[in-house]
């Protein structure tokens, strides 16, 4: 029996068009986590929803990272720049999220 990608895709979690990486949105025990653990959880969440969006052929994904000191944003951009699935990404002012979001355009 051959692997059927379409059937596998139908059993996956639904993709999101917008993913919020604020740590309080991702877990309730974030106060017990170190900064390294927090950013790792945020990047793992990004990777999960990035590939779900890609597999489901979404044209774009908006990632809310907040403004803060810019560490998460720079880690996200560093990760995205090496992804062949990405046509482009930009972090310009967004009417809903201000300067705290990056919009990823997929190379479909």
Protein backbone atom coordinates (compact mmCIF):
# COMPACT_ATOMS: atom_id res chain seq x y z
CA UNK A 1 0.00 0.00 0.00
CA UNK A 2 1.33 3.43 -0.93
CA UNK A 3 1.40 6.47 1.31
CA UNK A 4 -1.44 8.82 0.41
CA UNK A 5 -0.43 12.40 1.13
CA UNK A 6 -3.95 13.78 0.63
CA UNK A 7 -5.34 11.43 3.28
CA UNK A 8 -2.57 12.37 5.69
CA UNK A 9 -3.25 16.07 5.13
CA UNK A 10 -6.93 15.57 5.94
CA UNK A 11 -5.98 14.15 9.36
CA UNK A 12 -3.67 17.04 10.30
CA UNK A 13 -4.56 19.92 12.55
CA UNK A 14 -6.20 22.79 10.68
CA UNK A 15 -3.80 25.48 9.47
CA UNK A 16 -3.94 29.04 10.73
CA UNK A 17 -3.66 32.22 8.68
CA UNK A 18 -2.42 34.08 11.78
CA UNK A 19 -0.32 32.59 14.57
CA UNK A 20 0.27 34.54 17.78
CA UNK A 21 3.61 33.66 19.38
CA UNK A 22 3.15 35.67 22.58
CA UNK A 23 4.19 33.17 25.24
CA UNK A 24 1.05 33.67 27.35
CA UNK A 25 -0.97 32.44 24.34
CA UNK A 26 1.12 29.27 24.05
CA UNK A 27 1.24 27.96 27.62
CA UNK A 28 -0.02 28.70 31.11
CA UNK A 29 3.20 27.87 33.00
CA UNK A 30 5.44 30.29 31.11
CA UNK A 31 6.62 31.98 34.32
CA UNK A 32 8.47 28.75 35.17
CA UNK A 33 10.39 28.78 31.86
CA UNK A 34 13.78 30.29 31.15
CA UNK A 35 14.18 32.80 28.31
CA UNK A 36 15.83 30.07 26.21
CA UNK A 37 12.92 27.69 26.83
CA UNK A 38 10.42 30.40 25.94
CA UNK A 39 12.03 31.26 22.61
CA UNK A 40 12.43 27.56 21.79
CA UNK A 41 8.71 26.98 22.40
CA UNK A 42 7.85 30.01 20.28
CA UNK A 43 10.07 28.85 17.39
CA UNK A 44 8.71 25.29 17.59
CA UNK A 45 5.18 26.73 17.37
CA UNK A 46 6.20 28.83 14.39
CA UNK A 47 7.67 25.79 12.65
CA UNK A 48 4.53 23.72 13.30
CA UNK A 49 2.13 26.30 11.87
CA UNK A 50 4.51 27.25 9.08
CA UNK A 51 4.51 23.69 7.75
CA UNK A 52 0.78 23.24 8.32
CA UNK A 53 0.18 26.37 6.23
CA UNK A 54 2.60 25.11 3.58
CA UNK A 55 1.05 21.63 3.37
CA UNK A 56 -2.43 23.12 3.09
CA UNK A 57 -1.28 25.48 0.31
CA UNK A 58 -2.05 28.73 2.09
CA UNK A 59 -0.65 31.70 0.23
CA UNK A 60 0.55 33.48 3.34
CA UNK A 61 0.95 33.25 7.09
CA UNK A 62 1.02 36.19 9.51
CA UNK A 63 3.18 35.65 12.58
CA UNK A 64 2.55 37.90 15.57
CA UNK A 65 5.77 38.26 17.55
CA UNK A 66 5.23 41.58 19.28
CA UNK A 67 7.65 44.48 19.41
CA UNK A 68 9.62 44.02 22.64
CA UNK A 69 13.41 44.00 22.26
CA UNK A 70 13.24 42.30 18.85
CA UNK A 71 14.91 39.00 19.80
CA UNK A 72 12.01 36.79 18.70
CA UNK A 73 11.51 38.78 15.50
CA UNK A 74 15.19 38.46 14.57
CA UNK A 75 15.17 34.70 15.31
CA UNK A 76 12.05 34.29 13.15
CA UNK A 77 13.62 36.22 10.27
CA UNK A 78 16.85 34.24 10.56
CA UNK A 79 14.88 30.98 10.39
CA UNK A 80 12.73 32.14 7.46
CA UNK A 81 15.58 33.33 5.27
CA UNK A 82 16.81 29.73 4.78
CA UNK A 83 13.41 28.21 3.96
CA UNK A 84 12.91 27.32 0.28
CA UNK A 85 9.13 27.40 0.85
CA UNK A 86 9.27 31.18 1.43
CA UNK A 87 8.92 33.56 -1.50
CA UNK A 88 9.36 36.58 0.75
CA UNK A 89 8.58 37.93 4.18
CA UNK A 90 8.31 41.38 5.62
CA UNK A 91 7.69 43.08 8.91
CA UNK A 92 6.13 46.38 8.02
CA UNK A 93 3.28 48.16 9.77
CA UNK A 94 0.11 46.04 9.82
CA UNK A 95 -3.26 47.72 10.53
CA UNK A 96 -4.26 44.99 13.03
CA UNK A 97 -0.89 44.17 14.64
CA UNK A 98 1.14 47.37 14.33
CA UNK A 99 4.87 46.72 13.98
CA UNK A 100 4.70 43.43 15.88
CA UNK A 101 4.01 41.00 13.04
CA UNK A 102 5.75 39.43 10.07
CA UNK A 103 3.83 38.38 6.95
CA UNK A 104 5.23 35.34 5.14
CA UNK A 105 4.41 34.78 1.46
CA UNK A 106 4.82 31.16 0.38
CA UNK A 107 6.40 30.11 -2.90
CA UNK A 108 3.61 27.83 -4.07
